[in-house]
Amino acid sequence: MLVVKTGGRVIKNNLDNIITSLSKYEGKFVLVHGGGDIVSEYSKKLGIEPTFVMSPEGIRSRYTSKDELDVFVMVMGWLNKKMVTQLLKLGRFSVGIAGSDGKIVQASRKKKIVIINERGKKMMIEGGYTGRISKVDVEKLAKLLDIFDSVVISPIAIDPEEGTMLNVDGDQMAYAISTALKAEYLILLTDVEGVKLNGKVLKDIPVSQGKEIVERIGPGMNRKILMGIDAVSNGVRKVIISSGNVNDPISNAILENGTVIHNG
C-alpha cells in the first residue's frame, strides 16, 4: 500500500507528471493532496484576503475563517475531481473524496490557538475552522480500496461534535492515513529534493537519530520529520521526502532519491 502527499506548489508546477507517475504504480494507493496556494488565488479573486499566522515554534500556517473555509472546500473539490479525472483517463479506477465524507477523517476544531503577533509577543486568538485529526475510519477507507484501486483525498475533515467541516494540515492527514493503513511507503512530494542539512540532502534518517537531527533543521521540515518518525514507529515501513518537480516523481521516490525515514 502506498500513500502519497503532494502540496499546492508542486501541484501548480508539475501536476500532469505526478498523476502520470502515479498511474504507472502497480499497486493500490491513496493520494492526499493540498492546494493552499491555489485556494489563496481564488480567495483573492472573491475579495477574501488570505490570513496567515505564526506559531511560537516559527511555523507559518493559514488562518481559516468561515468565508475562507467555503473557498477552501470549493477549490479542493475542484482539484480533487481534476486529479481523479486524469487518473481515470490514464486507466486507473479511482475515486475522489474529502476526508469529511462518510466521517472517514474526523477532527476536533481548535477553539483557541496561540500565535506570535506583529510585536513578537504571544497571544491567544479564536481558532477559526482548522482542526486536529482525532480519528481515521480505516474500515471504511479499506472498503473503498477494495472497490477502487486508488483514492484521492482532500484535507477536509469533519468535527462530529460541532457538525462542521474543518481545514486540516495535509501532512497530518497523510501521516494519519498511512499509519491507519500500515502503508509500506508514505511519500511526501515537496518542492525540494529532500531534507537538507548544511546544504546537503540527507539520504536517510534512522528513527533512533531523528530527534537529534530535528534540532538542527528549520521549522516546517522538522514537523515532517517528527511525524515521519511517529509514522514509522507505528507501522509504516518507510517515509520518503522527495522532489515532486521531476518527470517521474513516484518512481524517483521509491528509488529512494530523497530522504528516507526508517527504523534503526
Protein backbone atom coordinates (compact mmCIF):
# COMPACT_ATOMS: atom_id res chain seq x y z
CA MET A 1 0.00 0.00 0.00
CA LEU A 2 1.29 3.42 -0.98
CA VAL A 3 0.21 6.77 0.48
CA VAL A 4 1.35 9.95 -1.28
CA LYS A 5 1.03 13.56 -0.12
CA THR A 6 1.56 16.43 -2.54
CA GLY A 7 1.35 20.11 -1.72
CA GLY A 8 -0.04 23.08 -3.59
CA ARG A 9 3.22 24.39 -5.05
CA VAL A 10 4.08 21.01 -6.52
CA ILE A 11 0.55 20.66 -7.90
CA LYS A 12 0.83 24.02 -9.66
CA ASN A 13 4.24 23.20 -11.15
CA ASN A 14 4.02 19.52 -12.06
CA LEU A 15 0.52 18.05 -11.69
CA ASP A 16 0.43 16.20 -15.02
CA ASN A 17 3.71 14.41 -14.33
CA ILE A 18 2.62 13.49 -10.79
CA ILE A 19 -0.63 11.95 -12.00
CA THR A 20 1.08 10.13 -14.89
CA SER A 21 3.70 8.79 -12.49
CA LEU A 22 1.02 7.59 -10.04
CA SER A 23 -0.91 5.90 -12.87
CA LYS A 24 2.13 3.68 -13.54
CA TYR A 25 2.32 2.43 -9.94
CA GLU A 26 1.23 -1.22 -9.96
CA GLY A 27 -0.34 -1.39 -6.50
CA LYS A 28 -3.15 0.42 -4.75
CA PHE A 29 -2.57 3.91 -3.45
CA VAL A 30 -4.08 6.84 -1.58
CA LEU A 31 -3.25 10.36 -2.74
CA VAL A 32 -3.68 13.15 -0.18
CA HIS A 33 -3.47 16.50 -1.93
CA GLY A 34 -3.02 20.04 -0.76
CA GLY A 35 -3.63 23.19 -2.75
CA GLY A 36 -3.28 26.11 -0.37
CA ASP A 37 -1.60 28.39 -2.92
CA ILE A 38 -4.46 27.84 -5.35
CA VAL A 39 -7.01 28.47 -2.57
CA SER A 40 -5.27 31.80 -1.89
CA GLU A 41 -5.58 32.79 -5.55
CA TYR A 42 -9.30 32.14 -5.62
CA SER A 43 -9.86 33.78 -2.23
CA LYS A 44 -8.32 37.00 -3.56
CA LYS A 45 -10.47 36.81 -6.71
CA LEU A 46 -13.52 36.61 -4.47
CA GLY A 47 -12.39 39.56 -2.35
CA ILE A 48 -11.29 37.49 0.66
CA GLU A 49 -7.74 38.29 1.73
CA PRO A 50 -5.96 35.13 2.99
CA THR A 51 -4.69 35.38 6.55
CA PHE A 52 -1.61 33.59 7.85
CA VAL A 53 -0.38 33.30 11.41
CA MET A 54 2.93 32.34 13.00
CA SER A 55 3.11 29.79 15.80
CA PRO A 56 5.52 30.13 18.73
CA GLU A 57 7.55 27.34 17.07
CA GLY A 58 8.02 29.51 13.98
CA ILE A 59 5.58 27.66 11.72
CA ARG A 60 3.50 29.80 9.36
CA SER A 61 0.01 28.47 8.68
CA ARG A 62 -3.29 29.56 7.17
CA TYR A 63 -5.93 31.01 9.45
CA THR A 64 -9.23 29.65 8.15
CA SER A 65 -12.23 31.92 8.66
CA LYS A 66 -15.77 30.76 7.83
CA ASP A 67 -15.65 32.61 4.49
CA GLU A 68 -12.32 31.12 3.55
CA LEU A 69 -13.45 27.65 4.61
CA ASP A 70 -16.14 27.92 1.92
CA VAL A 71 -13.49 28.80 -0.68
CA PHE A 72 -11.19 26.06 0.62
CA VAL A 73 -13.90 23.40 0.22
CA MET A 74 -14.82 24.67 -3.25
CA VAL A 75 -11.27 24.76 -4.61
CA MET A 76 -10.22 21.47 -3.02
CA GLY A 77 -13.29 19.80 -4.52
CA TRP A 78 -12.37 21.06 -7.98
CA LEU A 79 -8.73 19.96 -7.63
CA ASN A 80 -9.83 16.56 -6.32
CA LYS A 81 -12.09 15.85 -9.29
CA LYS A 82 -9.49 17.13 -11.73
CA MET A 83 -6.97 14.59 -10.40
CA VAL A 84 -9.49 11.75 -10.38
CA THR A 85 -10.49 12.50 -13.97
CA GLN A 86 -6.86 12.42 -15.08
CA LEU A 87 -6.29 9.09 -13.32
CA LEU A 88 -9.41 7.62 -14.91
CA LYS A 89 -8.23 8.80 -18.33
CA LEU A 90 -4.92 7.00 -17.72
CA GLY A 91 -6.67 3.73 -16.86
CA ARG A 92 -6.78 3.84 -13.07
CA PHE A 93 -10.09 3.02 -11.35
CA SER A 94 -10.05 5.98 -8.98
CA VAL A 95 -12.49 7.76 -6.69
CA GLY A 96 -12.18 11.18 -5.06
CA ILE A 97 -13.47 12.21 -1.65
CA ALA A 98 -12.99 14.78 1.06
CA GLY A 99 -11.83 13.38 4.38
CA SER A 100 -15.16 14.52 5.82
CA ASP A 101 -17.13 12.22 3.52
CA GLY A 102 -18.57 9.32 5.47
CA LYS A 103 -16.78 10.68 8.56
CA ILE A 104 -13.68 8.90 7.28
CA VAL A 105 -11.36 11.55 8.76
CA GLN A 106 -12.58 13.17 11.96
CA ALA A 107 -11.02 16.13 13.73
CA SER A 108 -11.55 18.43 16.68
CA ARG A 109 -11.84 22.14 15.94
CA LYS A 110 -9.13 24.21 17.54
CA LYS A 111 -11.14 26.52 19.78
CA LYS A 112 -8.16 28.72 20.58
CA ILE A 113 -4.67 28.97 19.12
CA VAL A 114 -1.51 30.72 20.31
CA ILE A 115 0.26 32.92 17.76
CA ILE A 116 3.09 35.42 17.65
CA ASN A 117 1.66 38.85 16.90
CA GLU A 118 3.27 41.68 14.87
CA ARG A 119 5.07 42.87 18.02
CA GLY A 120 6.66 39.47 18.54
CA LYS A 121 4.50 38.66 21.55
CA LYS A 122 2.48 35.53 22.21
CA MET A 123 -1.28 35.98 22.11
CA MET A 124 -4.31 33.69 22.08
CA ILE A 125 -6.97 34.06 19.38
CA GLU A 126 -10.07 32.21 18.22
CA GLY A 127 -9.14 29.02 16.39
CA GLY A 128 -11.28 29.53 13.29
CA TYR A 129 -12.08 26.47 11.20
CA THR A 130 -8.93 24.43 11.44
CA GLY A 131 -8.74 21.10 13.22
CA ARG A 132 -6.53 18.43 14.70
CA ILE A 133 -7.20 14.92 13.40
CA SER A 134 -8.65 12.61 16.03
CA LYS A 135 -9.68 9.51 14.07
CA VAL A 136 -9.38 7.78 10.70
CA ASP A 137 -12.13 5.25 9.95
CA VAL A 138 -9.79 2.70 8.44
CA GLU A 139 -12.57 0.14 7.82
CA LYS A 140 -14.47 2.50 5.52
CA LEU A 141 -11.29 3.56 3.75
CA ALA A 142 -10.28 -0.08 3.29
CA LYS A 143 -13.69 -0.83 1.76
CA LEU A 144 -13.17 1.94 -0.79
CA LEU A 145 -9.78 0.42 -1.62
CA ASP A 146 -11.45 -2.98 -2.07
CA ILE A 147 -13.64 -1.43 -4.78
CA PHE A 148 -11.25 1.11 -6.33
CA ASP A 149 -7.53 0.85 -6.98
CA SER A 150 -6.89 4.40 -5.80
CA VAL A 151 -8.50 7.00 -3.56
CA VAL A 152 -7.79 10.73 -3.86
CA ILE A 153 -8.49 12.61 -0.61
CA SER A 154 -8.63 16.35 0.06
CA PRO A 155 -7.55 17.61 3.52
CA ILE A 156 -11.03 18.43 4.78
CA ALA A 157 -12.14 16.63 7.94
CA ILE A 158 -15.34 16.70 9.95
CA ASP A 159 -15.83 17.66 13.57
CA PRO A 160 -18.60 15.23 14.60
CA GLU A 161 -19.41 17.21 17.74
CA GLU A 162 -19.92 20.54 16.03
CA GLY A 163 -21.10 19.07 12.73
CA THR A 164 -18.78 21.25 10.65
CA MET A 165 -16.09 20.72 8.05
CA LEU A 166 -12.55 21.71 9.01
CA ASN A 167 -9.38 22.55 7.17
CA VAL A 168 -6.68 20.16 8.43
CA ASP A 169 -2.98 20.00 7.72
CA GLY A 170 -2.35 17.84 4.64
CA ASP A 171 0.82 16.29 6.06
CA GLN A 172 -1.04 15.40 9.25
CA MET A 173 -3.78 13.75 7.20
CA ALA A 174 -1.27 11.77 5.16
CA TYR A 175 0.51 10.55 8.29
CA ALA A 176 -2.77 9.60 9.96
CA ILE A 177 -3.98 7.66 6.91
CA SER A 178 -0.67 5.91 6.26
CA THR A 179 -0.45 4.85 9.89
CA ALA A 180 -4.05 3.60 9.93
CA LEU A 181 -3.43 1.57 6.75
CA LYS A 182 0.04 0.39 7.86
CA ALA A 183 1.32 1.55 4.47
CA GLU A 184 4.54 0.24 3.01
CA TYR A 185 5.54 3.71 1.85
CA LEU A 186 4.47 7.23 2.71
CA ILE A 187 5.86 9.59 0.08
CA LEU A 188 5.90 13.33 0.73
CA LEU A 189 6.34 15.20 -2.55
CA THR A 190 7.81 18.64 -1.91
CA ASP A 191 9.46 21.43 -3.89
CA VAL A 192 12.89 20.41 -2.58
CA GLU A 193 14.97 17.26 -3.11
CA GLY A 194 14.74 16.14 0.49
CA VAL A 195 15.81 17.19 3.98
CA LYS A 196 18.86 19.42 3.75
CA LEU A 197 21.48 19.80 6.45
CA ASN A 198 24.49 22.04 5.90
CA GLY A 199 23.48 22.42 2.25
CA LYS A 200 23.38 18.68 1.53
CA VAL A 201 20.41 16.31 1.22
CA LEU A 202 20.32 13.69 3.97
CA LYS A 203 19.93 10.28 2.35
CA ASP A 204 18.36 8.71 5.40
CA ILE A 205 17.18 9.43 8.93
CA PRO A 206 17.05 6.43 11.29
CA VAL A 207 14.29 6.79 13.89
CA SER A 208 16.89 6.48 16.64
CA GLN A 209 18.65 9.62 15.37
CA GLY A 210 15.57 11.56 14.30
CA LYS A 211 15.13 13.86 17.28
CA GLU A 212 18.80 14.83 17.24
CA ILE A 213 18.52 15.79 13.56
CA VAL A 214 15.24 17.68 14.09
CA GLU A 215 17.01 20.07 16.44
CA ARG A 216 19.28 21.10 13.56
CA ILE A 217 16.53 21.55 10.92
CA GLY A 218 14.39 24.65 10.42
CA PRO A 219 10.63 24.99 11.12
CA GLY A 220 8.31 23.28 8.66
CA MET A 221 10.58 20.46 7.58
CA ASN A 222 11.21 19.49 11.21
CA ARG A 223 7.47 18.79 11.60
CA LYS A 224 7.58 16.46 8.61
CA ILE A 225 10.48 14.58 10.20
CA LEU A 226 8.76 14.30 13.59
CA MET A 227 5.55 13.00 12.03
CA GLY A 228 7.61 10.67 9.84
CA ILE A 229 9.30 9.22 12.92
CA ASP A 230 5.89 8.71 14.51
CA ALA A 231 4.52 7.03 11.34
CA VAL A 232 7.45 4.61 11.09
CA SER A 233 7.18 3.87 14.81
CA ASN A 234 3.51 2.98 14.26
CA GLY A 235 3.69 0.58 11.34
CA VAL A 236 4.65 2.49 8.18
CA ARG A 237 7.73 0.82 6.69
CA LYS A 238 9.37 3.92 5.21
CA VAL A 239 8.64 7.62 4.90
CA ILE A 240 10.30 9.25 1.89
CA ILE A 241 10.61 13.03 1.49
CA SER A 242 11.38 13.66 -2.17
CA SER A 243 11.01 16.12 -5.03
CA GLY A 244 7.65 16.41 -6.75
CA ASN A 245 9.11 18.50 -9.56
CA VAL A 246 10.81 15.72 -11.54
CA ASN A 247 9.40 13.84 -14.54
CA ASP A 248 8.54 10.61 -12.69
CA PRO A 249 8.27 11.61 -9.02
CA ILE A 250 6.79 8.35 -7.68
CA SER A 251 9.43 6.09 -9.20
CA ASN A 252 12.07 8.63 -8.19
CA ALA A 253 10.90 8.48 -4.57
CA ILE A 254 10.57 4.68 -4.45
CA LEU A 255 14.17 4.51 -5.72
CA GLU A 256 14.89 6.50 -2.53
CA ASN A 257 16.10 9.64 -4.23
CA GLY A 258 15.42 11.97 -1.34
CA THR A 259 15.43 11.48 2.42
CA VAL A 260 14.24 8.16 3.83
CA ILE A 261 12.98 7.89 7.41
CA HIS A 262 13.20 4.29 8.61
CA ASN A 263 13.60 2.09 11.66
CA GLY A 264 17.08 1.92 13.00
